[in-house]
Amino acid sequence: MQSSAYIAIALLMGVAMSIYLPMNSSVSRYLGSSIAATVTFYAVALLTAAVVLMVSGQHDAIARIGQVPSYLYLAGFISAFMILGTTFLIPIIGARRFFILLISGQILMAIIVSHFGILESPRDPITFKKILAAGLVIAGAFLSTG
């Protein structure tokens, strides 16, 4: 697959994220609980992932689950709090403000993760141009949140 296809997939994932997180907040309103909405979300996600795993023929990968460093399973813990936070915050601060702040935080952390190659990420050193670009995006985000 060419890199332009990867870029398109990443862009589509951003579009999907902008839809599915507010959808989960809507589930929260119907259920009257952001926690119940998160449990529902993860139940459907688990079922979907299990079906995809079985259909892909990669079910033998489960046997290697003990080889994963335990600290990496914190991603599931973080994911749960991301969804809980989303279902709680979007109804309060709105989707636009939420996503602007979410993306600003992602940009800041992505610069650090890439610079140091954290979690086996390819190293991409910080440059003045990258700091300026991130600063402009974040400044725009904060101007827009008012």
N, C-alpha and C. Protein backbone atom coordinates (compact mmCIF):
# COMPACT_ATOMS: atom_id res chain seq x y z
N MET A 1 0.86 -1.18 0.00
CA MET A 1 0.00 0.00 0.00
C MET A 1 0.90 1.24 0.00
N GLN A 2 0.57 2.19 -0.81
CA GLN A 2 1.37 3.40 -0.92
C GLN A 2 1.11 4.32 0.26
N SER A 3 2.05 5.23 0.53
CA SER A 3 1.90 6.12 1.67
C SER A 3 0.69 7.03 1.53
N SER A 4 0.29 7.38 0.31
CA SER A 4 -0.91 8.22 0.15
C SER A 4 -2.16 7.47 0.62
N ALA A 5 -2.16 6.15 0.46
CA ALA A 5 -3.29 5.35 0.96
C ALA A 5 -3.30 5.37 2.49
N TYR A 6 -2.12 5.28 3.11
CA TYR A 6 -2.04 5.35 4.57
C TYR A 6 -2.53 6.71 5.07
N ILE A 7 -2.16 7.76 4.36
CA ILE A 7 -2.61 9.10 4.73
C ILE A 7 -4.12 9.20 4.64
N ALA A 8 -4.70 8.65 3.57
CA ALA A 8 -6.15 8.66 3.39
C ALA A 8 -6.85 7.88 4.50
N ILE A 9 -6.28 6.73 4.87
CA ILE A 9 -6.86 5.93 5.95
C ILE A 9 -6.81 6.71 7.26
N ALA A 10 -5.68 7.35 7.56
CA ALA A 10 -5.56 8.13 8.79
C ALA A 10 -6.57 9.28 8.80
N LEU A 11 -6.74 9.93 7.66
CA LEU A 11 -7.71 11.01 7.57
C LEU A 11 -9.13 10.49 7.81
N LEU A 12 -9.46 9.36 7.21
CA LEU A 12 -10.78 8.76 7.42
C LEU A 12 -10.98 8.34 8.87
N MET A 13 -9.91 7.91 9.52
CA MET A 13 -10.01 7.57 10.94
C MET A 13 -10.34 8.82 11.76
N GLY A 14 -9.76 9.95 11.39
CA GLY A 14 -10.10 11.21 12.07
C GLY A 14 -11.55 11.57 11.87
N VAL A 15 -12.04 11.37 10.65
CA VAL A 15 -13.46 11.63 10.37
C VAL A 15 -14.32 10.71 11.22
N ALA A 16 -13.96 9.44 11.27
CA ALA A 16 -14.73 8.47 12.06
C ALA A 16 -14.71 8.83 13.54
N MET A 17 -13.54 9.26 14.04
CA MET A 17 -13.43 9.62 15.45
C MET A 17 -14.36 10.79 15.78
N SER A 18 -14.48 11.70 14.84
CA SER A 18 -15.33 12.88 15.05
C SER A 18 -16.81 12.51 15.06
N ILE A 19 -17.13 11.32 14.61
CA ILE A 19 -18.52 10.85 14.62
C ILE A 19 -18.77 9.89 15.77
N TYR A 20 -17.85 8.93 15.97
CA TYR A 20 -18.16 7.88 16.93
C TYR A 20 -18.08 8.34 18.38
N LEU A 21 -17.22 9.29 18.70
CA LEU A 21 -17.17 9.76 20.09
C LEU A 21 -18.46 10.50 20.48
N PRO A 22 -18.97 11.42 19.64
CA PRO A 22 -20.26 12.01 19.99
C PRO A 22 -21.41 10.98 19.99
N MET A 23 -21.30 9.94 19.16
CA MET A 23 -22.31 8.88 19.18
C MET A 23 -22.35 8.22 20.56
N ASN A 24 -21.18 7.98 21.13
CA ASN A 24 -21.13 7.37 22.45
C ASN A 24 -21.71 8.30 23.51
N SER A 25 -21.50 9.61 23.33
CA SER A 25 -22.12 10.57 24.25
C SER A 25 -23.64 10.53 24.13
N SER A 26 -24.14 10.31 22.93
CA SER A 26 -25.59 10.19 22.74
C SER A 26 -26.11 8.93 23.44
N VAL A 27 -25.36 7.85 23.35
CA VAL A 27 -25.75 6.63 24.07
C VAL A 27 -25.82 6.93 25.57
N SER A 28 -24.87 7.71 26.05
CA SER A 28 -24.85 8.09 27.46
C SER A 28 -26.13 8.83 27.85
N ARG A 29 -26.58 9.72 27.00
CA ARG A 29 -27.82 10.46 27.30
C ARG A 29 -29.02 9.52 27.32
N TYR A 30 -29.07 8.57 26.39
CA TYR A 30 -30.18 7.62 26.36
C TYR A 30 -30.18 6.72 27.60
N LEU A 31 -28.98 6.31 28.03
CA LEU A 31 -28.88 5.41 29.18
C LEU A 31 -28.89 6.15 30.50
N GLY A 32 -28.57 7.44 30.46
CA GLY A 32 -28.51 8.22 31.69
C GLY A 32 -27.23 7.99 32.47
N SER A 33 -26.21 7.44 31.82
CA SER A 33 -24.96 7.15 32.53
C SER A 33 -23.82 7.05 31.52
N SER A 34 -22.77 7.85 31.74
CA SER A 34 -21.60 7.75 30.87
C SER A 34 -20.85 6.45 31.13
N ILE A 35 -20.92 5.93 32.33
CA ILE A 35 -20.25 4.67 32.64
C ILE A 35 -20.94 3.51 31.92
N ALA A 36 -22.27 3.48 31.96
CA ALA A 36 -23.01 2.42 31.26
C ALA A 36 -22.78 2.52 29.75
N ALA A 37 -22.69 3.73 29.23
CA ALA A 37 -22.42 3.90 27.80
C ALA A 37 -21.04 3.36 27.44
N THR A 38 -20.06 3.59 28.30
CA THR A 38 -18.72 3.10 28.06
C THR A 38 -18.67 1.58 28.09
N VAL A 39 -19.37 0.99 29.04
CA VAL A 39 -19.42 -0.48 29.11
C VAL A 39 -20.07 -1.03 27.83
N THR A 40 -21.16 -0.40 27.40
CA THR A 40 -21.83 -0.82 26.17
C THR A 40 -20.90 -0.70 24.98
N PHE A 41 -20.20 0.43 24.88
CA PHE A 41 -19.25 0.67 23.80
C PHE A 41 -18.20 -0.44 23.75
N TYR A 42 -17.61 -0.76 24.91
CA TYR A 42 -16.56 -1.77 24.93
C TYR A 42 -17.09 -3.18 24.70
N ALA A 43 -18.32 -3.46 25.09
CA ALA A 43 -18.90 -4.77 24.80
C ALA A 43 -19.05 -4.96 23.30
N VAL A 44 -19.56 -3.94 22.61
CA VAL A 44 -19.70 -4.02 21.16
C VAL A 44 -18.31 -4.07 20.50
N ALA A 45 -17.37 -3.28 21.01
CA ALA A 45 -16.01 -3.27 20.46
C ALA A 45 -15.34 -4.63 20.64
N LEU A 46 -15.51 -5.25 21.81
CA LEU A 46 -14.93 -6.56 22.05
C LEU A 46 -15.51 -7.60 21.10
N LEU A 47 -16.81 -7.59 20.95
CA LEU A 47 -17.45 -8.54 20.04
C LEU A 47 -16.96 -8.33 18.60
N THR A 48 -16.90 -7.08 18.18
CA THR A 48 -16.43 -6.76 16.82
C THR A 48 -14.99 -7.21 16.62
N ALA A 49 -14.12 -6.89 17.57
CA ALA A 49 -12.71 -7.27 17.46
C ALA A 49 -12.54 -8.79 17.46
N ALA A 50 -13.32 -9.50 18.27
CA ALA A 50 -13.24 -10.96 18.32
C ALA A 50 -13.66 -11.57 16.98
N VAL A 51 -14.73 -11.05 16.39
CA VAL A 51 -15.18 -11.54 15.09
C VAL A 51 -14.10 -11.28 14.02
N VAL A 52 -13.55 -10.06 14.01
CA VAL A 52 -12.51 -9.72 13.03
C VAL A 52 -11.29 -10.62 13.23
N LEU A 53 -10.92 -10.87 14.49
CA LEU A 53 -9.78 -11.74 14.78
C LEU A 53 -10.02 -13.14 14.23
N MET A 54 -11.18 -13.68 14.47
CA MET A 54 -11.49 -15.04 14.00
C MET A 54 -11.55 -15.11 12.47
N VAL A 55 -12.16 -14.12 11.85
CA VAL A 55 -12.28 -14.09 10.39
C VAL A 55 -10.91 -13.92 9.74
N SER A 56 -10.03 -13.16 10.39
CA SER A 56 -8.70 -12.91 9.82
C SER A 56 -7.79 -14.13 9.87
N GLY A 57 -8.15 -15.10 10.68
CA GLY A 57 -7.33 -16.29 10.81
C GLY A 57 -6.13 -16.10 11.72
N GLN A 58 -6.10 -15.00 12.46
CA GLN A 58 -4.96 -14.71 13.34
C GLN A 58 -5.24 -15.08 14.79
N HIS A 59 -6.21 -15.95 15.03
CA HIS A 59 -6.60 -16.28 16.39
C HIS A 59 -5.47 -16.92 17.20
N ASP A 60 -4.45 -17.47 16.55
CA ASP A 60 -3.31 -18.05 17.26
C ASP A 60 -2.47 -16.98 17.97
N ALA A 61 -2.65 -15.72 17.59
CA ALA A 61 -1.90 -14.62 18.23
C ALA A 61 -2.24 -14.50 19.72
N ILE A 62 -3.44 -14.92 20.11
CA ILE A 62 -3.85 -14.86 21.51
C ILE A 62 -2.90 -15.67 22.39
N ALA A 63 -2.31 -16.72 21.85
CA ALA A 63 -1.38 -17.56 22.61
C ALA A 63 -0.14 -16.79 23.06
N ARG A 64 0.16 -15.70 22.37
CA ARG A 64 1.36 -14.90 22.70
C ARG A 64 1.05 -13.74 23.66
N ILE A 65 -0.13 -13.71 24.21
CA ILE A 65 -0.55 -12.58 25.04
C ILE A 65 0.35 -12.38 26.26
N GLY A 66 0.93 -13.45 26.76
CA GLY A 66 1.83 -13.36 27.91
C GLY A 66 3.17 -12.74 27.58
N GLN A 67 3.50 -12.60 26.31
CA GLN A 67 4.77 -12.03 25.90
C GLN A 67 4.76 -10.50 25.88
N VAL A 68 3.58 -9.92 25.99
CA VAL A 68 3.44 -8.46 25.94
C VAL A 68 3.84 -7.89 27.31
N PRO A 69 4.73 -6.90 27.33
CA PRO A 69 5.08 -6.28 28.63
C PRO A 69 3.81 -5.74 29.32
N SER A 70 3.70 -6.02 30.60
CA SER A 70 2.46 -5.69 31.33
C SER A 70 2.11 -4.20 31.28
N TYR A 71 3.10 -3.31 31.25
CA TYR A 71 2.79 -1.88 31.23
C TYR A 71 2.04 -1.47 29.97
N LEU A 72 2.18 -2.24 28.88
CA LEU A 72 1.48 -1.89 27.65
C LEU A 72 -0.02 -2.10 27.75
N TYR A 73 -0.45 -2.91 28.71
CA TYR A 73 -1.89 -3.10 28.90
C TYR A 73 -2.55 -1.88 29.53
N LEU A 74 -1.76 -0.93 29.97
CA LEU A 74 -2.32 0.34 30.45
C LEU A 74 -3.08 1.06 29.34
N ALA A 75 -2.80 0.71 28.09
CA ALA A 75 -3.52 1.31 26.96
C ALA A 75 -5.02 1.05 27.08
N GLY A 76 -5.41 -0.12 27.56
CA GLY A 76 -6.82 -0.41 27.76
C GLY A 76 -7.42 0.45 28.85
N PHE A 77 -6.67 0.66 29.92
CA PHE A 77 -7.09 1.53 31.02
C PHE A 77 -7.25 2.97 30.52
N ILE A 78 -6.27 3.43 29.77
CA ILE A 78 -6.32 4.79 29.21
C ILE A 78 -7.50 4.91 28.25
N SER A 79 -7.69 3.90 27.42
CA SER A 79 -8.80 3.92 26.47
C SER A 79 -10.14 4.05 27.17
N ALA A 80 -10.33 3.30 28.24
CA ALA A 80 -11.59 3.37 28.98
C ALA A 80 -11.82 4.79 29.52
N PHE A 81 -10.77 5.40 30.05
CA PHE A 81 -10.93 6.76 30.57
C PHE A 81 -11.11 7.79 29.46
N MET A 82 -10.54 7.52 28.29
CA MET A 82 -10.76 8.41 27.15
C MET A 82 -12.24 8.39 26.76
N ILE A 83 -12.82 7.20 26.69
CA ILE A 83 -14.23 7.10 26.33
C ILE A 83 -15.11 7.66 27.44
N LEU A 84 -14.78 7.36 28.69
CA LEU A 84 -15.55 7.94 29.81
C LEU A 84 -15.48 9.46 29.76
N GLY A 85 -14.29 9.99 29.55
CA GLY A 85 -14.12 11.44 29.47
C GLY A 85 -14.90 12.05 28.32
N THR A 86 -14.90 11.35 27.20
CA THR A 86 -15.63 11.82 26.03
C THR A 86 -17.13 11.87 26.30
N THR A 87 -17.66 10.78 26.84
CA THR A 87 -19.10 10.74 27.08
C THR A 87 -19.52 11.76 28.13
N PHE A 88 -18.61 12.07 29.03
CA PHE A 88 -18.90 13.07 30.06
C PHE A 88 -18.74 14.49 29.54
N LEU A 89 -17.65 14.76 28.80
CA LEU A 89 -17.32 16.14 28.43
C LEU A 89 -18.07 16.70 27.22
N ILE A 90 -18.31 15.89 26.19
CA ILE A 90 -18.97 16.42 25.00
C ILE A 90 -20.32 17.07 25.32
N PRO A 91 -21.17 16.46 26.15
CA PRO A 91 -22.44 17.14 26.47
C PRO A 91 -22.24 18.45 27.26
N ILE A 92 -21.12 18.59 27.92
CA ILE A 92 -20.87 19.79 28.74
C ILE A 92 -20.19 20.90 27.95
N ILE A 93 -19.09 20.55 27.24
CA ILE A 93 -18.33 21.60 26.54
C ILE A 93 -18.58 21.60 25.03
N GLY A 94 -19.28 20.59 24.52
CA GLY A 94 -19.58 20.53 23.09
C GLY A 94 -18.51 19.79 22.30
N ALA A 95 -18.92 19.23 21.17
CA ALA A 95 -18.01 18.43 20.35
C ALA A 95 -16.88 19.28 19.76
N ARG A 96 -17.20 20.49 19.27
CA ARG A 96 -16.17 21.34 18.65
C ARG A 96 -15.06 21.65 19.63
N ARG A 97 -15.40 22.15 20.79
CA ARG A 97 -14.39 22.51 21.79
C ARG A 97 -13.63 21.26 22.25
N PHE A 98 -14.36 20.18 22.47
CA PHE A 98 -13.72 18.94 22.91
C PHE A 98 -12.66 18.48 21.92
N PHE A 99 -13.03 18.42 20.63
CA PHE A 99 -12.09 17.92 19.63
C PHE A 99 -10.92 18.87 19.44
N ILE A 100 -11.14 20.15 19.52
CA ILE A 100 -10.03 21.10 19.39
C ILE A 100 -9.02 20.87 20.51
N LEU A 101 -9.50 20.72 21.72
CA LEU A 101 -8.60 20.49 22.85
C LEU A 101 -7.95 19.11 22.78
N LEU A 102 -8.72 18.12 22.37
CA LEU A 102 -8.19 16.76 22.23
C LEU A 102 -7.05 16.74 21.21
N ILE A 103 -7.27 17.35 20.08
CA ILE A 103 -6.24 17.36 19.02
C ILE A 103 -5.02 18.18 19.45
N SER A 104 -5.24 19.27 20.17
CA SER A 104 -4.11 20.05 20.67
C SER A 104 -3.23 19.20 21.59
N GLY A 105 -3.86 18.46 22.48
CA GLY A 105 -3.11 17.57 23.37
C GLY A 105 -2.39 16.49 22.59
N GLN A 106 -3.05 15.96 21.56
CA GLN A 106 -2.41 14.94 20.74
C GLN A 106 -1.18 15.48 20.01
N ILE A 107 -1.28 16.69 19.51
CA ILE A 107 -0.15 17.30 18.80
C ILE A 107 1.03 17.47 19.74
N LEU A 108 0.77 18.00 20.92
CA LEU A 108 1.85 18.20 21.89
C LEU A 108 2.54 16.88 22.24
N MET A 109 1.74 15.86 22.55
CA MET A 109 2.33 14.59 22.94
C MET A 109 2.98 13.88 21.77
N ALA A 110 2.41 14.03 20.57
CA ALA A 110 3.00 13.39 19.38
C ALA A 110 4.40 13.94 19.11
N ILE A 111 4.59 15.22 19.33
CA ILE A 111 5.91 15.81 19.13
C ILE A 111 6.93 15.19 20.08
N ILE A 112 6.52 14.99 21.33
CA ILE A 112 7.42 14.41 22.33
C ILE A 112 7.69 12.93 22.02
N VAL A 113 6.61 12.18 21.75
CA VAL A 113 6.75 10.75 21.45
C VAL A 113 7.65 10.54 20.23
N SER A 114 7.41 11.32 19.19
CA SER A 114 8.22 11.17 17.97
C SER A 114 9.66 11.60 18.17
N HIS A 115 9.87 12.68 18.91
CA HIS A 115 11.24 13.16 19.12
C HIS A 115 12.10 12.11 19.83
N PHE A 116 11.53 11.50 20.87
CA PHE A 116 12.30 10.54 21.66
C PHE A 116 12.13 9.09 21.19
N GLY A 117 11.24 8.84 20.24
CA GLY A 117 11.00 7.47 19.78
C GLY A 117 10.37 6.61 20.86
N ILE A 118 9.51 7.21 21.66
CA ILE A 118 8.87 6.51 22.77
C ILE A 118 7.95 5.41 22.23
N LEU A 119 7.94 4.28 22.93
CA LEU A 119 7.09 3.13 22.59
C LEU A 119 7.32 2.64 21.16
N GLU A 120 8.58 2.61 20.79
CA GLU A 120 9.01 2.08 19.50
C GLU A 120 8.52 2.90 18.30
N SER A 121 8.14 4.14 18.54
CA SER A 121 7.73 5.03 17.47
C SER A 121 8.98 5.46 16.69
N PRO A 122 8.88 5.60 15.38
CA PRO A 122 10.04 6.09 14.63
C PRO A 122 10.45 7.48 15.13
N ARG A 123 11.73 7.69 15.29
CA ARG A 123 12.23 8.98 15.76
C ARG A 123 12.04 10.04 14.68
N ASP A 124 11.57 11.20 15.11
CA ASP A 124 11.36 12.34 14.22
C ASP A 124 11.71 13.57 15.04
N PRO A 125 12.98 14.01 14.98
CA PRO A 125 13.45 15.08 15.86
C PRO A 125 12.61 16.37 15.77
N ILE A 126 12.49 17.02 16.90
CA ILE A 126 11.80 18.31 16.98
C ILE A 126 12.63 19.34 16.22
N THR A 127 11.96 20.14 15.42
CA THR A 127 12.62 21.24 14.71
C THR A 127 11.83 22.52 15.00
N PHE A 128 12.45 23.64 14.70
CA PHE A 128 11.76 24.91 14.89
C PHE A 128 10.48 24.97 14.07
N LYS A 129 10.54 24.46 12.84
CA LYS A 129 9.37 24.45 11.95
C LYS A 129 8.21 23.66 12.57
N LYS A 130 8.52 22.51 13.17
CA LYS A 130 7.47 21.68 13.80
C LYS A 130 6.89 22.37 15.02
N ILE A 131 7.75 23.01 15.81
CA ILE A 131 7.27 23.73 16.99
C ILE A 131 6.39 24.91 16.57
N LEU A 132 6.81 25.63 15.54
CA LEU A 132 6.02 26.75 15.04
C LEU A 132 4.66 26.28 14.53
N ALA A 133 4.66 25.19 13.75
CA ALA A 133 3.41 24.66 13.20
C ALA A 133 2.47 24.21 14.32
N ALA A 134 3.01 23.49 15.30
CA ALA A 134 2.20 23.04 16.43
C ALA A 134 1.68 24.24 17.22
N GLY A 135 2.53 25.22 17.41
CA GLY A 135 2.11 26.44 18.12
C GLY A 135 0.98 27.15 17.41
N LEU A 136 1.05 27.21 16.10
CA LEU A 136 -0.03 27.85 15.33
C LEU A 136 -1.35 27.08 15.46
N VAL A 137 -1.26 25.76 15.37
CA VAL A 137 -2.47 24.94 15.51
C VAL A 137 -3.07 25.11 16.90
N ILE A 138 -2.22 25.06 17.91
CA ILE A 138 -2.71 25.17 19.29
C ILE A 138 -3.23 26.57 19.56
N ALA A 139 -2.55 27.59 19.05
CA ALA A 139 -3.04 28.97 19.22
C ALA A 139 -4.42 29.11 18.56
N GLY A 140 -4.57 28.56 17.38
CA GLY A 140 -5.87 28.58 16.71
C GLY A 140 -6.93 27.84 17.51
N ALA A 141 -6.51 26.74 18.11
CA ALA A 141 -7.44 25.96 18.93
C ALA A 141 -7.93 26.78 20.11
N PHE A 142 -7.01 27.45 20.78
CA PHE A 142 -7.41 28.22 21.96
C PHE A 142 -8.22 29.45 21.57
N LEU A 143 -7.91 30.05 20.42
CA LEU A 143 -8.74 31.17 19.96
C LEU A 143 -10.15 30.69 19.63
N SER A 144 -10.25 29.49 19.12
CA SER A 144 -11.54 28.94 18.73
C SER A 144 -12.37 28.45 19.91
N THR A 145 -11.76 28.14 21.04
CA THR A 145 -12.51 27.61 22.16
C THR A 145 -13.24 28.66 22.96
N GLY A 146 -12.98 29.91 22.67
CA GLY A 146 -13.62 30.99 23.43
C GLY A 146 -15.06 31.22 23.09
